Amino acid sequence: MIDLGISKLALIGVVALIVIGPEKLPKVARMAGTLLGRAQRYINEVKSEVSREIELEELRKMHKDVQDAAQNVEQSIHQTWNETEQEFRNLDQESESALLHTTSPQQLAIKAKNFRRKKLARTSAVPAWFKNRSGQRQRVISGSARMARHRANARPGSSFF
């Protein structure tokens, strides 16, 4: 930029006073100030627009990089998923072949019969309201809790306060 010191500004002021004259000098100085202000605002606007464009370009580049990274991650996840799924299929086939070779049909029938028997014991067809009416216990409580419940002279809980 132009380096203007106090001595150079004084020299310019004296030359302007001689050339323009003392009557028109304030108007010319005001006009020069407004033109200089407009020029500075225009330069600042251009600078800010250029910086916005640069930031926008950087954001576009960053967005593209993030999209590429996301696609790479997605591809690696799909690849890992497919590999794991293939391994499970291989293990399943191996276990089925091993199970068929080691267990006889009689053992499989016994296991199925025991499974049905256990399932029937867990999920009995007797409804809960019938169990309650017939006296079967639904909830088990301890002996001390039972004694406290059926105590003849039950005392209400006394408070310390």
N, C-alpha and C. Protein backbone atom coordinates (compact mmCIF):
# COMPACT_ATOMS: atom_id res chain seq x y z
N MET A 1 0.85 -1.18 0.00
CA MET A 1 0.00 0.00 0.00
C MET A 1 0.89 1.24 0.00
N ILE A 2 0.23 2.34 -0.16
CA ILE A 2 0.93 3.63 -0.19
C ILE A 2 1.22 4.05 1.24
N ASP A 3 2.45 4.37 1.50
CA ASP A 3 2.83 4.78 2.85
C ASP A 3 2.73 6.30 2.94
N LEU A 4 1.71 6.76 3.64
CA LEU A 4 1.52 8.20 3.79
C LEU A 4 1.81 8.60 5.24
N GLY A 5 2.82 9.40 5.41
CA GLY A 5 3.16 9.90 6.73
C GLY A 5 2.59 11.30 6.92
N ILE A 6 2.86 11.88 8.08
CA ILE A 6 2.33 13.22 8.38
C ILE A 6 2.95 14.26 7.44
N SER A 7 4.20 14.14 7.14
CA SER A 7 4.86 15.12 6.28
C SER A 7 4.31 15.06 4.85
N LYS A 8 4.04 13.86 4.35
CA LYS A 8 3.50 13.73 3.00
C LYS A 8 2.06 14.26 2.95
N LEU A 9 1.25 13.99 3.98
CA LEU A 9 -0.12 14.51 4.02
C LEU A 9 -0.13 16.05 4.08
N ALA A 10 0.80 16.62 4.83
CA ALA A 10 0.88 18.09 4.91
C ALA A 10 1.26 18.67 3.55
N LEU A 11 2.17 18.04 2.85
CA LEU A 11 2.58 18.50 1.53
C LEU A 11 1.41 18.42 0.55
N ILE A 12 0.64 17.32 0.59
CA ILE A 12 -0.53 17.18 -0.30
C ILE A 12 -1.57 18.24 0.04
N GLY A 13 -1.78 18.52 1.34
CA GLY A 13 -2.75 19.56 1.75
C GLY A 13 -2.35 20.94 1.26
N VAL A 14 -1.07 21.27 1.33
CA VAL A 14 -0.60 22.58 0.86
C VAL A 14 -0.77 22.70 -0.65
N VAL A 15 -0.43 21.68 -1.41
CA VAL A 15 -0.58 21.70 -2.86
C VAL A 15 -2.06 21.82 -3.23
N ALA A 16 -2.93 21.08 -2.52
CA ALA A 16 -4.36 21.15 -2.80
C ALA A 16 -4.90 22.54 -2.47
N LEU A 17 -4.44 23.15 -1.41
CA LEU A 17 -4.89 24.49 -1.04
C LEU A 17 -4.49 25.51 -2.10
N ILE A 18 -3.30 25.35 -2.66
CA ILE A 18 -2.84 26.29 -3.68
C ILE A 18 -3.59 26.04 -4.99
N VAL A 19 -3.74 24.80 -5.41
CA VAL A 19 -4.35 24.49 -6.69
C VAL A 19 -5.86 24.73 -6.65
N ILE A 20 -6.55 24.23 -5.64
CA ILE A 20 -8.02 24.29 -5.61
C ILE A 20 -8.50 25.63 -5.05
N GLY A 21 -7.87 26.08 -4.07
CA GLY A 21 -8.29 27.33 -3.47
C GLY A 21 -9.00 27.06 -2.14
N PRO A 22 -9.02 28.08 -1.26
CA PRO A 22 -9.59 27.87 0.08
C PRO A 22 -11.12 27.74 0.08
N GLU A 23 -11.83 28.25 -0.93
CA GLU A 23 -13.30 28.17 -0.94
C GLU A 23 -13.77 26.75 -1.30
N LYS A 24 -13.14 26.14 -2.27
CA LYS A 24 -13.59 24.84 -2.76
C LYS A 24 -12.92 23.66 -2.05
N LEU A 25 -11.90 23.93 -1.26
CA LEU A 25 -11.15 22.83 -0.61
C LEU A 25 -12.03 21.98 0.31
N PRO A 26 -12.92 22.53 1.17
CA PRO A 26 -13.75 21.66 2.02
C PRO A 26 -14.67 20.74 1.21
N LYS A 27 -15.28 21.26 0.15
CA LYS A 27 -16.15 20.42 -0.69
C LYS A 27 -15.37 19.30 -1.35
N VAL A 28 -14.19 19.63 -1.87
CA VAL A 28 -13.35 18.63 -2.54
C VAL A 28 -12.88 17.58 -1.53
N ALA A 29 -12.51 18.03 -0.34
CA ALA A 29 -12.05 17.09 0.69
C ALA A 29 -13.19 16.15 1.09
N ARG A 30 -14.41 16.70 1.26
CA ARG A 30 -15.58 15.88 1.60
C ARG A 30 -15.84 14.85 0.49
N MET A 31 -15.79 15.33 -0.76
CA MET A 31 -16.01 14.44 -1.92
C MET A 31 -14.94 13.35 -1.96
N ALA A 32 -13.69 13.72 -1.74
CA ALA A 32 -12.60 12.73 -1.74
C ALA A 32 -12.80 11.72 -0.60
N GLY A 33 -13.27 12.18 0.56
CA GLY A 33 -13.53 11.27 1.69
C GLY A 33 -14.63 10.27 1.38
N THR A 34 -15.72 10.78 0.76
CA THR A 34 -16.81 9.86 0.43
C THR A 34 -16.38 8.86 -0.65
N LEU A 35 -15.63 9.33 -1.64
CA LEU A 35 -15.15 8.41 -2.68
C LEU A 35 -14.18 7.37 -2.09
N LEU A 36 -13.31 7.82 -1.19
CA LEU A 36 -12.39 6.90 -0.53
C LEU A 36 -13.17 5.88 0.31
N GLY A 37 -14.22 6.31 1.03
CA GLY A 37 -15.06 5.39 1.82
C GLY A 37 -15.76 4.38 0.93
N ARG A 38 -16.31 4.84 -0.19
CA ARG A 38 -16.97 3.92 -1.13
C ARG A 38 -15.97 2.89 -1.66
N ALA A 39 -14.78 3.37 -2.00
CA ALA A 39 -13.76 2.45 -2.52
C ALA A 39 -13.37 1.41 -1.47
N GLN A 40 -13.25 1.84 -0.22
CA GLN A 40 -12.90 0.89 0.84
C GLN A 40 -14.03 -0.12 1.06
N ARG A 41 -15.29 0.35 1.05
CA ARG A 41 -16.42 -0.58 1.21
C ARG A 41 -16.47 -1.58 0.05
N TYR A 42 -16.23 -1.11 -1.16
CA TYR A 42 -16.23 -2.00 -2.32
C TYR A 42 -15.12 -3.04 -2.21
N ILE A 43 -13.95 -2.59 -1.80
CA ILE A 43 -12.82 -3.52 -1.64
C ILE A 43 -13.13 -4.55 -0.55
N ASN A 44 -13.74 -4.09 0.56
CA ASN A 44 -14.11 -5.02 1.64
C ASN A 44 -15.15 -6.03 1.17
N GLU A 45 -16.12 -5.59 0.38
CA GLU A 45 -17.14 -6.50 -0.16
C GLU A 45 -16.50 -7.55 -1.07
N VAL A 46 -15.58 -7.10 -1.91
CA VAL A 46 -14.91 -8.03 -2.82
C VAL A 46 -14.09 -9.04 -2.02
N LYS A 47 -13.39 -8.56 -0.98
CA LYS A 47 -12.60 -9.46 -0.14
C LYS A 47 -13.50 -10.49 0.55
N SER A 48 -14.63 -10.03 1.10
CA SER A 48 -15.51 -10.97 1.80
C SER A 48 -16.12 -11.98 0.83
N GLU A 49 -16.47 -11.53 -0.37
CA GLU A 49 -17.03 -12.47 -1.36
C GLU A 49 -15.99 -13.49 -1.79
N VAL A 50 -14.77 -13.05 -1.98
CA VAL A 50 -13.71 -13.99 -2.34
C VAL A 50 -13.49 -14.99 -1.21
N SER A 51 -13.48 -14.52 0.03
CA SER A 51 -13.27 -15.44 1.16
C SER A 51 -14.45 -16.41 1.28
N ARG A 52 -15.69 -15.93 1.03
CA ARG A 52 -16.85 -16.83 1.05
C ARG A 52 -16.73 -17.90 -0.03
N GLU A 53 -16.29 -17.51 -1.21
CA GLU A 53 -16.11 -18.48 -2.29
C GLU A 53 -15.05 -19.52 -1.93
N ILE A 54 -13.98 -19.05 -1.32
CA ILE A 54 -12.92 -19.98 -0.91
C ILE A 54 -13.44 -20.94 0.15
N GLU A 55 -14.18 -20.41 1.15
CA GLU A 55 -14.76 -21.27 2.18
C GLU A 55 -15.75 -22.26 1.59
N LEU A 56 -16.55 -21.78 0.64
CA LEU A 56 -17.53 -22.66 -0.01
C LEU A 56 -16.83 -23.78 -0.77
N GLU A 57 -15.75 -23.44 -1.44
CA GLU A 57 -14.99 -24.46 -2.16
C GLU A 57 -14.37 -25.46 -1.19
N GLU A 58 -13.87 -24.96 -0.06
CA GLU A 58 -13.32 -25.86 0.96
C GLU A 58 -14.41 -26.77 1.52
N LEU A 59 -15.61 -26.21 1.75
CA LEU A 59 -16.72 -27.02 2.26
C LEU A 59 -17.13 -28.08 1.25
N ARG A 60 -17.15 -27.73 -0.03
CA ARG A 60 -17.47 -28.72 -1.06
C ARG A 60 -16.44 -29.85 -1.07
N LYS A 61 -15.19 -29.47 -0.96
CA LYS A 61 -14.13 -30.48 -0.94
C LYS A 61 -14.26 -31.36 0.30
N MET A 62 -14.53 -30.74 1.45
CA MET A 62 -14.69 -31.50 2.68
C MET A 62 -15.91 -32.42 2.59
N HIS A 63 -16.99 -31.92 2.00
CA HIS A 63 -18.21 -32.73 1.83
C HIS A 63 -17.92 -33.95 0.96
N LYS A 64 -17.17 -33.73 -0.11
CA LYS A 64 -16.82 -34.85 -1.00
C LYS A 64 -15.95 -35.86 -0.26
N ASP A 65 -14.99 -35.37 0.54
CA ASP A 65 -14.13 -36.28 1.31
C ASP A 65 -14.95 -37.10 2.31
N VAL A 66 -15.90 -36.45 2.97
CA VAL A 66 -16.74 -37.16 3.94
C VAL A 66 -17.61 -38.20 3.24
N GLN A 67 -18.15 -37.86 2.07
CA GLN A 67 -18.96 -38.82 1.33
C GLN A 67 -18.11 -40.02 0.89
N ASP A 68 -16.90 -39.76 0.45
CA ASP A 68 -16.01 -40.86 0.05
C ASP A 68 -15.69 -41.75 1.24
N ALA A 69 -15.43 -41.13 2.39
CA ALA A 69 -15.13 -41.92 3.59
C ALA A 69 -16.34 -42.74 4.01
N ALA A 70 -17.54 -42.14 3.92
CA ALA A 70 -18.76 -42.87 4.29
C ALA A 70 -18.98 -44.05 3.34
N GLN A 71 -18.73 -43.86 2.05
CA GLN A 71 -18.88 -44.96 1.11
C GLN A 71 -17.87 -46.07 1.39
N ASN A 72 -16.65 -45.69 1.74
CA ASN A 72 -15.65 -46.69 2.08
C ASN A 72 -16.06 -47.49 3.31
N VAL A 73 -16.58 -46.78 4.33
CA VAL A 73 -17.02 -47.47 5.55
C VAL A 73 -18.19 -48.39 5.23
N GLU A 74 -19.12 -47.90 4.43
CA GLU A 74 -20.29 -48.72 4.07
C GLU A 74 -19.85 -49.97 3.31
N GLN A 75 -18.92 -49.82 2.38
CA GLN A 75 -18.44 -50.97 1.63
C GLN A 75 -17.73 -51.97 2.54
N SER A 76 -16.93 -51.46 3.47
CA SER A 76 -16.22 -52.37 4.37
C SER A 76 -17.20 -53.09 5.29
N ILE A 77 -18.27 -52.40 5.72
CA ILE A 77 -19.28 -53.04 6.58
C ILE A 77 -20.01 -54.12 5.79
N HIS A 78 -20.40 -53.81 4.57
CA HIS A 78 -21.07 -54.82 3.74
C HIS A 78 -20.16 -56.02 3.49
N GLN A 79 -18.91 -55.75 3.22
CA GLN A 79 -17.97 -56.84 2.96
C GLN A 79 -17.81 -57.71 4.21
N THR A 80 -17.66 -57.08 5.37
CA THR A 80 -17.52 -57.83 6.62
C THR A 80 -18.79 -58.61 6.91
N TRP A 81 -19.94 -57.99 6.68
CA TRP A 81 -21.22 -58.66 6.91
C TRP A 81 -21.35 -59.90 6.02
N ASN A 82 -21.01 -59.75 4.76
CA ASN A 82 -21.09 -60.89 3.83
C ASN A 82 -20.14 -62.01 4.25
N GLU A 83 -18.92 -61.65 4.65
CA GLU A 83 -17.97 -62.66 5.08
C GLU A 83 -18.46 -63.39 6.32
N THR A 84 -19.02 -62.64 7.29
CA THR A 84 -19.53 -63.25 8.52
C THR A 84 -20.72 -64.15 8.22
N GLU A 85 -21.59 -63.68 7.34
CA GLU A 85 -22.75 -64.48 6.97
C GLU A 85 -22.31 -65.79 6.29
N GLN A 86 -21.31 -65.71 5.44
CA GLN A 86 -20.80 -66.91 4.78
C GLN A 86 -20.18 -67.86 5.79
N GLU A 87 -19.45 -67.33 6.78
CA GLU A 87 -18.87 -68.17 7.82
C GLU A 87 -19.96 -68.87 8.63
N PHE A 88 -21.04 -68.15 8.96
CA PHE A 88 -22.14 -68.77 9.70
C PHE A 88 -22.80 -69.88 8.88
N ARG A 89 -22.95 -69.64 7.61
CA ARG A 89 -23.54 -70.68 6.76
C ARG A 89 -22.65 -71.93 6.74
N ASN A 90 -21.35 -71.72 6.63
CA ASN A 90 -20.42 -72.84 6.63
C ASN A 90 -20.47 -73.59 7.97
N LEU A 91 -20.52 -72.83 9.08
CA LEU A 91 -20.60 -73.46 10.39
C LEU A 91 -21.91 -74.24 10.54
N ASP A 92 -22.99 -73.66 10.04
CA ASP A 92 -24.29 -74.32 10.14
C ASP A 92 -24.28 -75.63 9.35
N GLN A 93 -23.71 -75.58 8.15
CA GLN A 93 -23.64 -76.80 7.35
C GLN A 93 -22.76 -77.85 8.02
N GLU A 94 -21.65 -77.42 8.60
CA GLU A 94 -20.77 -78.36 9.29
C GLU A 94 -21.46 -78.96 10.51
N SER A 95 -22.17 -78.14 11.28
CA SER A 95 -22.83 -78.66 12.49
C SER A 95 -23.97 -79.60 12.11
N GLU A 96 -24.71 -79.29 11.05
CA GLU A 96 -25.78 -80.18 10.62
C GLU A 96 -25.22 -81.52 10.17
N SER A 97 -24.14 -81.48 9.42
CA SER A 97 -23.55 -82.74 8.95
C SER A 97 -22.98 -83.53 10.13
N ALA A 98 -22.37 -82.84 11.10
CA ALA A 98 -21.82 -83.52 12.27
C ALA A 98 -22.95 -84.08 13.13
N LEU A 99 -24.05 -83.36 13.28
CA LEU A 99 -25.19 -83.80 14.09
C LEU A 99 -25.85 -85.02 13.45
N LEU A 100 -25.98 -85.02 12.16
CA LEU A 100 -26.61 -86.15 11.48
C LEU A 100 -25.75 -87.40 11.56
N HIS A 101 -24.43 -87.23 11.57
CA HIS A 101 -23.56 -88.39 11.62
C HIS A 101 -23.41 -88.94 13.03
N THR A 102 -23.54 -88.11 14.06
CA THR A 102 -23.30 -88.57 15.43
C THR A 102 -24.56 -89.06 16.13
N THR A 103 -25.74 -88.57 15.79
CA THR A 103 -26.96 -88.95 16.48
C THR A 103 -27.78 -89.91 15.63
N SER A 104 -28.28 -90.89 16.31
CA SER A 104 -29.11 -91.86 15.61
C SER A 104 -30.55 -91.38 15.61
N PRO A 105 -31.40 -91.92 14.77
CA PRO A 105 -32.81 -91.51 14.75
C PRO A 105 -33.53 -91.81 16.08
N GLN A 106 -33.11 -92.87 16.78
CA GLN A 106 -33.73 -93.18 18.06
C GLN A 106 -33.41 -92.11 19.09
N GLN A 107 -32.17 -91.65 19.11
CA GLN A 107 -31.79 -90.59 20.06
C GLN A 107 -32.53 -89.29 19.74
N LEU A 108 -32.70 -88.98 18.48
CA LEU A 108 -33.44 -87.77 18.10
C LEU A 108 -34.90 -87.87 18.54
N ALA A 109 -35.51 -89.06 18.43
CA ALA A 109 -36.90 -89.24 18.86
C ALA A 109 -37.02 -89.07 20.36
N ILE A 110 -36.06 -89.58 21.12
CA ILE A 110 -36.09 -89.44 22.58
C ILE A 110 -35.94 -87.97 22.98
N LYS A 111 -35.03 -87.26 22.33
CA LYS A 111 -34.84 -85.84 22.62
C LYS A 111 -36.12 -85.05 22.31
N ALA A 112 -36.77 -85.35 21.20
CA ALA A 112 -37.99 -84.64 20.84
C ALA A 112 -39.10 -84.93 21.85
N LYS A 113 -39.20 -86.18 22.31
CA LYS A 113 -40.22 -86.55 23.30
C LYS A 113 -39.98 -85.83 24.62
N ASN A 114 -38.73 -85.78 25.08
CA ASN A 114 -38.40 -85.07 26.31
C ASN A 114 -38.66 -83.57 26.18
N PHE A 115 -38.38 -83.02 25.01
CA PHE A 115 -38.62 -81.60 24.80
C PHE A 115 -40.11 -81.28 24.91
N ARG A 116 -40.94 -82.13 24.29
CA ARG A 116 -42.38 -81.90 24.37
C ARG A 116 -42.88 -82.02 25.80
N ARG A 117 -42.35 -82.99 26.53
CA ARG A 117 -42.76 -83.19 27.91
C ARG A 117 -42.40 -81.98 28.77
N LYS A 118 -41.19 -81.46 28.61
CA LYS A 118 -40.77 -80.28 29.37
C LYS A 118 -41.60 -79.06 29.00
N LYS A 119 -41.89 -78.90 27.73
CA LYS A 119 -42.68 -77.75 27.29
C LYS A 119 -44.08 -77.83 27.86
N LEU A 120 -44.68 -79.03 27.91
CA LEU A 120 -46.02 -79.19 28.46
C LEU A 120 -46.03 -78.87 29.94
N ALA A 121 -44.97 -79.21 30.67
CA ALA A 121 -44.91 -78.92 32.10
C ALA A 121 -44.81 -77.42 32.33
N ARG A 122 -44.09 -76.72 31.48
CA ARG A 122 -43.96 -75.27 31.64
C ARG A 122 -45.23 -74.54 31.29
N THR A 123 -45.82 -74.89 30.20
CA THR A 123 -47.01 -74.19 29.72
C THR A 123 -48.21 -75.12 29.86
N SER A 124 -48.65 -75.28 31.06
CA SER A 124 -49.78 -76.17 31.31
C SER A 124 -51.05 -75.53 30.79
N ALA A 125 -52.00 -76.35 30.44
CA ALA A 125 -53.25 -75.85 29.90
C ALA A 125 -54.23 -75.45 30.99
N VAL A 126 -53.85 -75.59 32.27
CA VAL A 126 -54.73 -75.23 33.38
C VAL A 126 -54.68 -73.72 33.56
N PRO A 127 -55.82 -73.03 33.53
CA PRO A 127 -55.80 -71.58 33.68
C PRO A 127 -55.45 -71.14 35.10
N ALA A 128 -54.96 -69.92 35.22
CA ALA A 128 -54.51 -69.40 36.51
C ALA A 128 -55.66 -69.25 37.48
N TRP A 129 -56.86 -68.88 37.01
CA TRP A 129 -57.99 -68.70 37.95
C TRP A 129 -58.38 -70.03 38.57
N PHE A 130 -58.23 -71.14 37.84
CA PHE A 130 -58.55 -72.46 38.39
C PHE A 130 -57.51 -72.87 39.42
N LYS A 131 -56.25 -72.55 39.14
CA LYS A 131 -55.21 -72.85 40.11
C LYS A 131 -55.45 -72.09 41.41
N ASN A 132 -55.90 -70.84 41.32
CA ASN A 132 -56.18 -70.05 42.51
C ASN A 132 -57.34 -70.64 43.29
N ARG A 133 -58.38 -71.07 42.61
CA ARG A 133 -59.55 -71.62 43.29
C ARG A 133 -59.27 -72.97 43.90
N SER A 134 -58.44 -73.76 43.28
CA SER A 134 -58.22 -75.12 43.75
C SER A 134 -57.19 -75.18 44.86
N GLY A 135 -56.59 -74.08 45.24
CA GLY A 135 -55.68 -74.06 46.38
C GLY A 135 -54.22 -74.28 46.02
N GLN A 136 -53.90 -74.35 44.78
CA GLN A 136 -52.49 -74.47 44.43
C GLN A 136 -51.82 -73.13 44.64
N ARG A 137 -50.64 -73.16 45.19
CA ARG A 137 -49.95 -71.91 45.51
C ARG A 137 -49.41 -71.26 44.24
N GLN A 138 -49.69 -69.99 44.13
CA GLN A 138 -49.12 -69.20 43.04
C GLN A 138 -47.85 -68.49 43.50
N ARG A 139 -47.88 -68.00 44.75
CA ARG A 139 -46.74 -67.27 45.28
C ARG A 139 -46.26 -67.98 46.53
N VAL A 140 -44.99 -68.19 46.63
CA VAL A 140 -44.42 -68.84 47.80
C VAL A 140 -43.86 -67.76 48.71
N ILE A 141 -44.22 -67.80 50.00
CA ILE A 141 -43.69 -66.84 50.97
C ILE A 141 -42.95 -67.61 52.05
N SER A 142 -42.07 -66.94 52.73
CA SER A 142 -41.26 -67.60 53.74
C SER A 142 -42.10 -67.92 54.98
N GLY A 143 -41.55 -68.76 55.84
CA GLY A 143 -42.26 -69.17 57.05
C GLY A 143 -42.51 -68.01 57.98
N SER A 144 -41.54 -67.11 58.17
CA SER A 144 -41.73 -65.97 59.07
C SER A 144 -42.78 -65.02 58.51
N ALA A 145 -42.82 -64.86 57.22
CA ALA A 145 -43.85 -63.99 56.64
C ALA A 145 -45.22 -64.60 56.81
N ARG A 146 -45.32 -65.93 56.69
CA ARG A 146 -46.59 -66.61 56.89
C ARG A 146 -47.05 -66.47 58.34
N MET A 147 -46.12 -66.60 59.29
CA MET A 147 -46.45 -66.47 60.72
C MET A 147 -46.92 -65.05 61.02
N ALA A 148 -46.25 -64.07 60.47
CA ALA A 148 -46.64 -62.68 60.70
C ALA A 148 -48.01 -62.39 60.12
N ARG A 149 -48.33 -63.03 59.04
CA ARG A 149 -49.62 -62.82 58.39
C ARG A 149 -50.77 -63.41 59.20
N HIS A 150 -50.54 -64.55 59.82
CA HIS A 150 -51.60 -65.25 60.53
C HIS A 150 -51.50 -65.12 62.05
N ARG A 151 -50.71 -64.19 62.54
CA ARG A 151 -50.55 -63.98 63.98
C ARG A 151 -51.86 -63.46 64.54
N ALA A 152 -52.24 -63.96 65.72
CA ALA A 152 -53.52 -63.58 66.32
C ALA A 152 -53.50 -62.16 66.82
N ASN A 153 -52.47 -61.75 67.51
CA ASN A 153 -52.41 -60.39 68.03
C ASN A 153 -51.44 -59.56 67.21
N ALA A 154 -51.83 -59.31 66.03
CA ALA A 154 -50.98 -58.55 65.12
C ALA A 154 -50.91 -57.11 65.58
N ARG A 155 -49.69 -56.62 65.82
CA ARG A 155 -49.51 -55.24 66.24
C ARG A 155 -49.25 -54.37 65.04
N PRO A 156 -49.88 -53.20 64.98
CA PRO A 156 -49.53 -52.30 63.87
C PRO A 156 -48.12 -51.76 64.11
N GLY A 157 -47.45 -51.45 63.04
CA GLY A 157 -46.09 -50.92 63.14
C GLY A 157 -46.06 -49.63 63.91
N SER A 158 -45.29 -49.55 64.99
CA SER A 158 -45.22 -48.33 65.78
C SER A 158 -44.08 -47.48 65.29
N SER A 159 -44.31 -46.22 65.21
CA SER A 159 -43.32 -45.29 64.73
C SER A 159 -42.50 -44.77 65.88
N PHE A 160 -41.26 -44.50 65.65
CA PHE A 160 -40.40 -43.93 66.68
C PHE A 160 -40.80 -42.52 67.00
N PHE A 161 -41.29 -41.80 66.04
CA PHE A 161 -41.66 -40.40 66.23
C PHE A 161 -43.12 -40.26 66.52
